[in-house]
C-alpha atoms as a PDB file:
ATOM      1  CA  MET A   1      32.241  16.547   7.100  1.00  0.00           C
ATOM      2  CA  PRO A   2      28.958  15.724   5.297  1.00  0.00           C
ATOM      3  CA  LEU A   3      26.663  13.158   6.762  1.00  0.00           C
ATOM      4  CA  PHE A   4      25.577  10.379   4.438  1.00  0.00           C
ATOM      5  CA  THR A   5      22.951   7.749   4.999  1.00  0.00           C
ATOM      6  CA  SER A   6      22.408   4.591   3.012  1.00  0.00           C
ATOM      7  CA  ARG A   7      18.723   4.302   3.822  1.00  0.00           C
ATOM      8  CA  LYS A   8      16.041   6.347   2.146  1.00  0.00           C
ATOM      9  CA  GLN A   9      13.586   8.071   4.401  1.00  0.00           C
ATOM     10  CA  GLU A  10      10.547   5.905   4.762  1.00  0.00           C
ATOM     11  CA  LYS A  11       7.360   7.560   3.585  1.00  0.00           C
ATOM     12  CA  LYS A  12       4.206   6.259   5.154  1.00  0.00           C
ATOM     13  CA  VAL A  13       0.990   5.931   3.244  1.00  0.00           C
ATOM     14  CA  LYS A  14      -2.487   5.269   4.590  1.00  0.00           C
ATOM     15  CA  VAL A  15      -4.372   2.281   3.181  1.00  0.00           C
ATOM     16  CA  THR A  16      -8.137   1.871   3.564  1.00  0.00           C
ATOM     17  CA  PHE A  17     -10.888  -0.154   1.935  1.00  0.00           C
ATOM     18  CA  ALA A  18     -14.473   0.992   1.285  1.00  0.00           C
ATOM     19  CA  ASN A  19     -17.250   0.420  -1.256  1.00  0.00           C
ATOM     20  CA  GLY A  20     -15.257  -2.090  -3.300  1.00  0.00           C
ATOM     21  CA  LEU A  21     -12.239   0.205  -3.552  1.00  0.00           C
ATOM     22  CA  LEU A  22      -8.679   0.289  -2.229  1.00  0.00           C
ATOM     23  CA  PHE A  23      -7.705   3.834  -1.183  1.00  0.00           C
ATOM     24  CA  VAL A  24      -4.068   4.882  -0.854  1.00  0.00           C
ATOM     25  CA  GLU A  25      -3.379   8.255   0.729  1.00  0.00           C
ATOM     26  CA  LYS A  26       0.144   9.581   0.262  1.00  0.00           C
ATOM     27  CA  PRO A  27       1.987  11.730   2.821  1.00  0.00           C
ATOM     28  CA  ASP A  28       1.223  14.849   0.758  1.00  0.00           C
ATOM     29  CA  GLY A  29      -2.514  14.182   1.187  1.00  0.00           C
ATOM     30  CA  LYS A  30      -3.161  13.041  -2.376  1.00  0.00           C
ATOM     31  CA  GLN A  31      -5.376   9.977  -2.598  1.00  0.00           C
ATOM     32  CA  GLN A  32      -5.674   7.280  -5.234  1.00  0.00           C
ATOM     33  CA  ALA A  33      -8.480   4.748  -5.520  1.00  0.00           C
ATOM     34  CA  PHE A  34      -8.222   1.309  -7.129  1.00  0.00           C
ATOM     35  CA  PRO A  35     -11.200  -0.977  -7.802  1.00  0.00           C
ATOM     36  CA  LEU A  36     -10.816  -4.228  -5.908  1.00  0.00           C
ATOM     37  CA  GLU A  37     -11.989  -5.987  -9.079  1.00  0.00           C
ATOM     38  CA  TRP A  38      -8.473  -5.314 -10.398  1.00  0.00           C
ATOM     39  CA  PHE A  39      -7.049  -7.375  -7.512  1.00  0.00           C
ATOM     40  CA  PRO A  40      -9.192 -10.504  -6.964  1.00  0.00           C
ATOM     41  CA  GLN A  41      -6.918 -11.614  -4.126  1.00  0.00           C
ATOM     42  CA  LEU A  42      -7.717  -8.404  -2.221  1.00  0.00           C
ATOM     43  CA  LEU A  43     -11.385  -8.582  -3.133  1.00  0.00           C
ATOM     44  CA  ASN A  44     -11.670 -11.990  -1.459  1.00  0.00           C
ATOM     45  CA  ALA A  45      -9.153 -11.332   1.340  1.00  0.00           C
ATOM     46  CA  THR A  46      -9.893 -11.271   5.045  1.00  0.00           C
ATOM     47  CA  ASP A  47      -9.395  -8.113   7.092  1.00  0.00           C
ATOM     48  CA  GLU A  48      -6.289  -9.720   8.607  1.00  0.00           C
ATOM     49  CA  GLU A  49      -4.794 -10.310   5.152  1.00  0.00           C
ATOM     50  CA  ARG A  50      -5.608  -6.760   4.046  1.00  0.00           C
ATOM     51  CA  GLU A  51      -4.056  -5.222   7.153  1.00  0.00           C
ATOM     52  CA  ASP A  52      -0.705  -7.025   6.759  1.00  0.00           C
ATOM     53  CA  TRP A  53       1.122  -4.792   4.275  1.00  0.00           C
ATOM     54  CA  ASP A  54       4.403  -2.938   3.895  1.00  0.00           C
ATOM     55  CA  GLN A  55       5.287   0.070   1.805  1.00  0.00           C
ATOM     56  CA  THR A  56       7.850  -0.606  -0.930  1.00  0.00           C
ATOM     57  CA  ASP A  57       9.775   1.623  -3.312  1.00  0.00           C
ATOM     58  CA  LYS A  58       7.050   1.185  -5.949  1.00  0.00           C
ATOM     59  CA  GLY A  59       3.894   0.836  -3.875  1.00  0.00           C
ATOM     60  CA  ILE A  60       2.467  -1.612  -1.352  1.00  0.00           C
ATOM     61  CA  HIS A  61       3.188  -5.284  -0.728  1.00  0.00           C
ATOM     62  CA  PHE A  62       0.456  -7.328   0.958  1.00  0.00           C
ATOM     63  CA  ASN A  63       2.533  -9.905   2.828  1.00  0.00           C
ATOM     64  CA  LYS A  64       0.049 -12.700   3.464  1.00  0.00           C
ATOM     65  CA  LEU A  65      -1.268 -12.502  -0.107  1.00  0.00           C
ATOM     66  CA  ASP A  66       2.166 -12.014  -1.741  1.00  0.00           C
ATOM     67  CA  LEU A  67       0.589  -9.237  -3.802  1.00  0.00           C
ATOM     68  CA  ASP A  68       2.114  -5.961  -4.978  1.00  0.00           C
ATOM     69  CA  VAL A  69       0.119  -2.830  -5.821  1.00  0.00           C
ATOM     70  CA  SER A  70       2.087  -0.109  -7.573  1.00  0.00           C
ATOM     71  CA  PHE A  71       1.176   3.556  -7.449  1.00  0.00           C
END
């Protein structure tokens, strides 16, 4: 009998900030960089606000800022 699961495997990404950029590193090692100027809420956010995020199907959701970044 085949085994089915209703949940997709969760893929973890790494999120870092440096030099006015948001860096997203995917599980395969590929990295994307986004200027924080594109996301004024992130540009002016505290470290606590930047660290409170979840991965979504389309990207990242910053919970305290209610902000989505797609990649």
